[in-house]
């Protein structure tokens, strides 16, 4: 896979996640109007089945508070 195709796939993944996460969070806030602060953790988990068991898998975790008021 070319570098450009790889970057396009990464952007597509992140765009899809961003749109879906935005819709889910906005909907959650609408269902819970009395919540002032939400605390989220987003985890990126590499689920690739690598042939070499010694291959280090990608792992990323981000935590963020969202002020709803």
PDB file of N, CA and C in Angstrom:
ATOM      1  N   UNK A   1       0.860  -1.178   0.000  1.00  0.00           N
ATOM      2  CA  UNK A   1       0.000   0.000   0.000  1.00  0.00           C
ATOM      3  C   UNK A   1       0.898   1.230   0.000  1.00  0.00           C
ATOM      4  N   UNK A   2       0.545   2.161  -0.834  1.00  0.00           N
ATOM      5  CA  UNK A   2       1.359   3.369  -0.912  1.00  0.00           C
ATOM      6  C   UNK A   2       1.131   4.237   0.319  1.00  0.00           C
ATOM      7  N   UNK A   3       2.089   5.105   0.578  1.00  0.00           N
ATOM      8  CA  UNK A   3       2.008   6.019   1.721  1.00  0.00           C
ATOM      9  C   UNK A   3       0.764   6.891   1.636  1.00  0.00           C
ATOM     10  N   UNK A   4       0.439   7.342   0.430  1.00  0.00           N
ATOM     11  CA  UNK A   4      -0.729   8.207   0.241  1.00  0.00           C
ATOM     12  C   UNK A   4      -2.029   7.443   0.515  1.00  0.00           C
ATOM     13  N   UNK A   5      -2.108   6.197   0.069  1.00  0.00           N
ATOM     14  CA  UNK A   5      -3.294   5.382   0.332  1.00  0.00           C
ATOM     15  C   UNK A   5      -3.444   5.120   1.828  1.00  0.00           C
ATOM     16  N   UNK A   6      -2.328   4.867   2.476  1.00  0.00           N
ATOM     17  CA  UNK A   6      -2.334   4.620   3.920  1.00  0.00           C
ATOM     18  C   UNK A   6      -2.853   5.854   4.657  1.00  0.00           C
ATOM     19  N   UNK A   7      -2.350   7.026   4.307  1.00  0.00           N
ATOM     20  CA  UNK A   7      -2.793   8.266   4.949  1.00  0.00           C
ATOM     21  C   UNK A   7      -4.271   8.523   4.692  1.00  0.00           C
ATOM     22  N   UNK A   8      -4.734   8.204   3.479  1.00  0.00           N
ATOM     23  CA  UNK A   8      -6.148   8.381   3.142  1.00  0.00           C
ATOM     24  C   UNK A   8      -7.011   7.467   4.017  1.00  0.00           C
ATOM     25  N   UNK A   9      -6.577   6.232   4.209  1.00  0.00           N
ATOM     26  CA  UNK A   9      -7.314   5.294   5.060  1.00  0.00           C
ATOM     27  C   UNK A   9      -7.342   5.762   6.515  1.00  0.00           C
ATOM     28  N   UNK A  10      -6.224   6.296   6.990  1.00  0.00           N
ATOM     29  CA  UNK A  10      -6.156   6.805   8.369  1.00  0.00           C
ATOM     30  C   UNK A  10      -7.116   7.974   8.529  1.00  0.00           C
ATOM     31  N   UNK A  11      -7.093   8.908   7.587  1.00  0.00           N
ATOM     32  CA  UNK A  11      -8.015  10.056   7.648  1.00  0.00           C
ATOM     33  C   UNK A  11      -9.466   9.596   7.618  1.00  0.00           C
ATOM     34  N   UNK A  12      -9.766   8.597   6.808  1.00  0.00           N
ATOM     35  CA  UNK A  12     -11.123   8.064   6.733  1.00  0.00           C
ATOM     36  C   UNK A  12     -11.569   7.446   8.049  1.00  0.00           C
ATOM     37  N   UNK A  13     -10.676   6.685   8.667  1.00  0.00           N
ATOM     38  CA  UNK A  13     -10.976   6.089   9.975  1.00  0.00           C
ATOM     39  C   UNK A  13     -11.253   7.164  11.006  1.00  0.00           C
ATOM     40  N   UNK A  14     -10.384   8.157  11.076  1.00  0.00           N
ATOM     41  CA  UNK A  14     -10.539   9.215  12.074  1.00  0.00           C
ATOM     42  C   UNK A  14     -11.771  10.075  11.817  1.00  0.00           C
ATOM     43  N   UNK A  15     -12.072  10.346  10.544  1.00  0.00           N
ATOM     44  CA  UNK A  15     -13.260  11.126  10.215  1.00  0.00           C
ATOM     45  C   UNK A  15     -14.523  10.367  10.613  1.00  0.00           C
ATOM     46  N   UNK A  16     -14.581   9.085  10.293  1.00  0.00           N
ATOM     47  CA  UNK A  16     -15.732   8.259  10.663  1.00  0.00           C
ATOM     48  C   UNK A  16     -15.902   8.224  12.168  1.00  0.00           C
ATOM     49  N   UNK A  17     -14.805   8.006  12.889  1.00  0.00           N
ATOM     50  CA  UNK A  17     -14.885   7.985  14.343  1.00  0.00           C
ATOM     51  C   UNK A  17     -15.360   9.330  14.874  1.00  0.00           C
ATOM     52  N   UNK A  18     -14.809  10.408  14.346  1.00  0.00           N
ATOM     53  CA  UNK A  18     -15.177  11.738  14.825  1.00  0.00           C
ATOM     54  C   UNK A  18     -16.647  12.038  14.649  1.00  0.00           C
ATOM     55  N   UNK A  19     -17.188  11.703  13.489  1.00  0.00           N
ATOM     56  CA  UNK A  19     -18.609  11.952  13.214  1.00  0.00           C
ATOM     57  C   UNK A  19     -19.477  11.101  14.141  1.00  0.00           C
ATOM     58  N   UNK A  20     -19.148   9.820  14.262  1.00  0.00           N
ATOM     59  CA  UNK A  20     -19.948   8.927  15.105  1.00  0.00           C
ATOM     60  C   UNK A  20     -19.857   9.307  16.582  1.00  0.00           C
ATOM     61  N   UNK A  21     -18.660   9.668  17.034  1.00  0.00           N
ATOM     62  CA  UNK A  21     -18.475  10.062  18.426  1.00  0.00           C
ATOM     63  C   UNK A  21     -19.224  11.359  18.722  1.00  0.00           C
ATOM     64  N   UNK A  22     -19.161  12.314  17.811  1.00  0.00           N
ATOM     65  CA  UNK A  22     -19.879  13.573  17.991  1.00  0.00           C
ATOM     66  C   UNK A  22     -21.376  13.326  18.131  1.00  0.00           C
ATOM     67  N   UNK A  23     -21.941  12.514  17.239  1.00  0.00           N
ATOM     68  CA  UNK A  23     -23.369  12.213  17.305  1.00  0.00           C
ATOM     69  C   UNK A  23     -23.730  11.509  18.609  1.00  0.00           C
ATOM     70  N   UNK A  24     -22.910  10.573  19.041  1.00  0.00           N
ATOM     71  CA  UNK A  24     -23.180   9.836  20.277  1.00  0.00           C
ATOM     72  C   UNK A  24     -23.107  10.755  21.496  1.00  0.00           C
ATOM     73  N   UNK A  25     -22.099  11.620  21.557  1.00  0.00           N
ATOM     74  CA  UNK A  25     -21.938  12.516  22.704  1.00  0.00           C
ATOM     75  C   UNK A  25     -23.050  13.550  22.748  1.00  0.00           C
ATOM     76  N   UNK A  26     -23.382  14.150  21.619  1.00  0.00           N
ATOM     77  CA  UNK A  26     -24.459  15.141  21.580  1.00  0.00           C
ATOM     78  C   UNK A  26     -25.783  14.495  21.996  1.00  0.00           C
ATOM     79  N   UNK A  27     -26.041  13.285  21.509  1.00  0.00           N
ATOM     80  CA  UNK A  27     -27.247  12.569  21.904  1.00  0.00           C
ATOM     81  C   UNK A  27     -27.267  12.253  23.386  1.00  0.00           C
ATOM     82  N   UNK A  28     -26.124  11.863  23.921  1.00  0.00           N
ATOM     83  CA  UNK A  28     -26.009  11.548  25.349  1.00  0.00           C
ATOM     84  C   UNK A  28     -26.270  12.785  26.202  1.00  0.00           C
ATOM     85  N   UNK A  29     -25.733  13.910  25.800  1.00  0.00           N
ATOM     86  CA  UNK A  29     -25.957  15.168  26.521  1.00  0.00           C
ATOM     87  C   UNK A  29     -27.441  15.541  26.467  1.00  0.00           C
ATOM     88  N   UNK A  30     -28.079  15.353  25.314  1.00  0.00           N
ATOM     89  CA  UNK A  30     -29.506  15.674  25.184  1.00  0.00           C
ATOM     90  C   UNK A  30     -30.360  14.801  26.111  1.00  0.00           C
ATOM     91  N   UNK A  31     -29.973  13.545  26.295  1.00  0.00           N
ATOM     92  CA  UNK A  31     -30.714  12.628  27.164  1.00  0.00           C
ATOM     93  C   UNK A  31     -30.433  12.872  28.642  1.00  0.00           C
ATOM     94  N   UNK A  32     -29.347  13.574  28.935  1.00  0.00           N
ATOM     95  CA  UNK A  32     -28.922  13.825  30.316  1.00  0.00           C
ATOM     96  C   UNK A  32     -28.650  15.314  30.514  1.00  0.00           C
ATOM     97  N   UNK A  33     -29.691  16.150  30.418  1.00  0.00           N
ATOM     98  CA  UNK A  33     -29.484  17.605  30.430  1.00  0.00           C
ATOM     99  C   UNK A  33     -28.986  18.163  31.762  1.00  0.00           C
ATOM    100  N   UNK A  34     -29.068  17.406  32.824  1.00  0.00           N
ATOM    101  CA  UNK A  34     -28.628  17.901  34.136  1.00  0.00           C
ATOM    102  C   UNK A  34     -27.158  17.631  34.420  1.00  0.00           C
ATOM    103  N   UNK A  35     -26.477  16.981  33.506  1.00  0.00           N
ATOM    104  CA  UNK A  35     -25.056  16.686  33.700  1.00  0.00           C
ATOM    105  C   UNK A  35     -24.236  17.921  33.342  1.00  0.00           C
ATOM    106  N   UNK A  36     -23.372  18.323  34.257  1.00  0.00           N
ATOM    107  CA  UNK A  36     -22.533  19.507  34.024  1.00  0.00           C
ATOM    108  C   UNK A  36     -21.193  19.159  33.392  1.00  0.00           C
ATOM    109  N   UNK A  37     -20.645  17.991  33.745  1.00  0.00           N
ATOM    110  CA  UNK A  37     -19.308  17.620  33.298  1.00  0.00           C
ATOM    111  C   UNK A  37     -19.283  16.140  32.936  1.00  0.00           C
ATOM    112  N   UNK A  38     -18.818  15.838  31.750  1.00  0.00           N
ATOM    113  CA  UNK A  38     -18.640  14.451  31.321  1.00  0.00           C
ATOM    114  C   UNK A  38     -17.145  14.151  31.254  1.00  0.00           C
ATOM    115  N   UNK A  39     -16.785  12.955  31.655  1.00  0.00           N
ATOM    116  CA  UNK A  39     -15.390  12.509  31.608  1.00  0.00           C
ATOM    117  C   UNK A  39     -15.298  11.322  30.656  1.00  0.00           C
ATOM    118  N   UNK A  40     -14.473  11.460  29.636  1.00  0.00           N
ATOM    119  CA  UNK A  40     -14.363  10.430  28.620  1.00  0.00           C
ATOM    120  C   UNK A  40     -12.947   9.879  28.529  1.00  0.00           C
ATOM    121  N   UNK A  41     -12.899   8.631  28.084  1.00  0.00           N
ATOM    122  CA  UNK A  41     -11.630   7.993  27.752  1.00  0.00           C
ATOM    123  C   UNK A  41     -11.809   7.381  26.368  1.00  0.00           C
ATOM    124  N   UNK A  42     -10.924   7.742  25.454  1.00  0.00           N
ATOM    125  CA  UNK A  42     -10.934   7.186  24.104  1.00  0.00           C
ATOM    126  C   UNK A  42      -9.702   6.299  23.991  1.00  0.00           C
ATOM    127  N   UNK A  43      -9.929   5.065  23.552  1.00  0.00           N
ATOM    128  CA  UNK A  43      -8.839   4.109  23.445  1.00  0.00           C
ATOM    129  C   UNK A  43      -8.722   3.622  22.007  1.00  0.00           C
ATOM    130  N   UNK A  44      -7.518   3.663  21.476  1.00  0.00           N
ATOM    131  CA  UNK A  44      -7.233   3.108  20.163  1.00  0.00           C
ATOM    132  C   UNK A  44      -6.495   1.792  20.408  1.00  0.00           C
ATOM    133  N   UNK A  45      -7.103   0.701  19.970  1.00  0.00           N
ATOM    134  CA  UNK A  45      -6.534  -0.622  20.223  1.00  0.00           C
ATOM    135  C   UNK A  45      -6.203  -1.300  18.905  1.00  0.00           C
ATOM    136  N   UNK A  46      -4.980  -1.705  18.748  1.00  0.00           N
ATOM    137  CA  UNK A  46      -4.513  -2.419  17.552  1.00  0.00           C
ATOM    138  C   UNK A  46      -4.942  -3.877  17.690  1.00  0.00           C
ATOM    139  N   UNK A  47      -5.852  -4.316  16.823  1.00  0.00           N
ATOM    140  CA  UNK A  47      -6.335  -5.697  16.893  1.00  0.00           C
ATOM    141  C   UNK A  47      -5.791  -6.538  15.732  1.00  0.00           C
ATOM    142  N   UNK A  48      -4.723  -6.058  15.124  1.00  0.00           N
ATOM    143  CA  UNK A  48      -4.096  -6.760  14.011  1.00  0.00           C
ATOM    144  C   UNK A  48      -3.563  -8.108  14.481  1.00  0.00           C
ATOM    145  N   UNK A  49      -3.751  -9.138  13.654  1.00  0.00           N
ATOM    146  CA  UNK A  49      -3.200 -10.458  13.937  1.00  0.00           C
ATOM    147  C   UNK A  49      -1.825 -10.544  13.264  1.00  0.00           C
ATOM    148  N   UNK A  50      -0.801 -10.125  14.007  1.00  0.00           N
ATOM    149  CA  UNK A  50       0.560 -10.127  13.464  1.00  0.00           C
ATOM    150  C   UNK A  50       1.108 -11.548  13.433  1.00  0.00           C
ATOM    151  N   UNK A  51       1.847 -11.860  12.370  1.00  0.00           N
ATOM    152  CA  UNK A  51       2.472 -13.185  12.259  1.00  0.00           C
ATOM    153  C   UNK A  51       3.575 -13.355  13.294  1.00  0.00           C
ATOM    154  N   UNK A  52       4.282 -12.278  13.596  1.00  0.00           N
ATOM    155  CA  UNK A  52       5.364 -12.310  14.584  1.00  0.00           C
ATOM    156  C   UNK A  52       4.795 -11.907  15.947  1.00  0.00           C
ATOM    157  N   UNK A  53       4.743 -12.836  16.899  1.00  0.00           N
ATOM    158  CA  UNK A  53       4.164 -12.526  18.210  1.00  0.00           C
ATOM    159  C   UNK A  53       4.957 -11.475  18.999  1.00  0.00           C
ATOM    160  N   UNK A  54       6.159 -11.171  18.559  1.00  0.00           N
ATOM    161  CA  UNK A  54       6.972 -10.165  19.234  1.00  0.00           C
ATOM    162  C   UNK A  54       6.704  -8.748  18.727  1.00  0.00           C
ATOM    163  N   UNK A  55       5.839  -8.614  17.738  1.00  0.00           N
ATOM    164  CA  UNK A  55       5.517  -7.303  17.190  1.00  0.00           C
ATOM    165  C   UNK A  55       4.765  -6.492  18.234  1.00  0.00           C
ATOM    166  N   UNK A  56       5.255  -5.290  18.486  1.00  0.00           N
ATOM    167  CA  UNK A  56       4.600  -4.403  19.455  1.00  0.00           C
ATOM    168  C   UNK A  56       3.349  -3.812  18.815  1.00  0.00           C
ATOM    169  N   UNK A  57       2.209  -3.959  19.511  1.00  0.00           N
ATOM    170  CA  UNK A  57       0.954  -3.413  18.997  1.00  0.00           C
ATOM    171  C   UNK A  57       0.790  -1.969  19.431  1.00  0.00           C
ATOM    172  N   UNK A  58       0.123  -1.201  18.571  1.00  0.00           N
ATOM    173  CA  UNK A  58      -0.159   0.197  18.857  1.00  0.00           C
ATOM    174  C   UNK A  58      -1.213   0.297  19.948  1.00  0.00           C
ATOM    175  N   UNK A  59      -0.996   1.177  20.889  1.00  0.00           N
ATOM    176  CA  UNK A  59      -1.957   1.418  21.954  1.00  0.00           C
ATOM    177  C   UNK A  59      -1.931   2.905  22.288  1.00  0.00           C
ATOM    178  N   UNK A  60      -3.121   3.520  22.304  1.00  0.00           N
ATOM    179  CA  UNK A  60      -3.222   4.942  22.589  1.00  0.00           C
ATOM    180  C   UNK A  60      -4.470   5.176  23.418  1.00  0.00           C
ATOM    181  N   UNK A  61      -4.335   5.948  24.476  1.00  0.00           N
ATOM    182  CA  UNK A  61      -5.468   6.261  25.342  1.00  0.00           C
ATOM    183  C   UNK A  61      -5.467   7.755  25.631  1.00  0.00           C
ATOM    184  N   UNK A  62      -6.621   8.375  25.442  1.00  0.00           N
ATOM    185  CA  UNK A  62      -6.771   9.806  25.677  1.00  0.00           C
ATOM    186  C   UNK A  62      -7.942  10.006  26.629  1.00  0.00           C
ATOM    187  N   UNK A  63      -7.753  10.820  27.672  1.00  0.00           N
ATOM    188  CA  UNK A  63      -8.843  11.156  28.569  1.00  0.00           C
ATOM    189  C   UNK A  63      -9.100  12.663  28.470  1.00  0.00           C
ATOM    190  N   UNK A  64     -10.376  13.013  28.576  1.00  0.00           N
ATOM    191  CA  UNK A  64     -10.752  14.415  28.411  1.00  0.00           C
ATOM    192  C   UNK A  64     -12.084  14.650  29.125  1.00  0.00           C
ATOM    193  N   UNK A  65     -12.191  15.766  29.790  1.00  0.00           N
ATOM    194  CA  UNK A  65     -13.441  16.207  30.407  1.00  0.00           C
ATOM    195  C   UNK A  65     -14.124  17.191  29.471  1.00  0.00           C
ATOM    196  N   UNK A  66     -15.446  17.111  29.407  1.00  0.00           N
ATOM    197  CA  UNK A  66     -16.230  17.995  28.563  1.00  0.00           C
ATOM    198  C   UNK A  66     -17.216  18.748  29.440  1.00  0.00           C
ATOM    199  N   UNK A  67     -17.109  20.056  29.421  1.00  0.00           N
ATOM    200  CA  UNK A  67     -18.020  20.906  30.197  1.00  0.00           C
ATOM    201  C   UNK A  67     -19.311  21.066  29.397  1.00  0.00           C
ATOM    202  N   UNK A  68     -20.432  20.660  29.972  1.00  0.00           N
ATOM    203  CA  UNK A  68     -21.713  20.660  29.254  1.00  0.00           C
ATOM    204  C   UNK A  68     -22.562  21.885  29.551  1.00  0.00           C
ATOM    205  N   UNK A  69     -22.126  22.738  30.415  1.00  0.00           N
ATOM    206  CA  UNK A  69     -22.926  23.921  30.767  1.00  0.00           C
ATOM    207  C   UNK A  69     -22.252  25.185  30.300  1.00  0.00           C
TER     208      UNK A  69
END
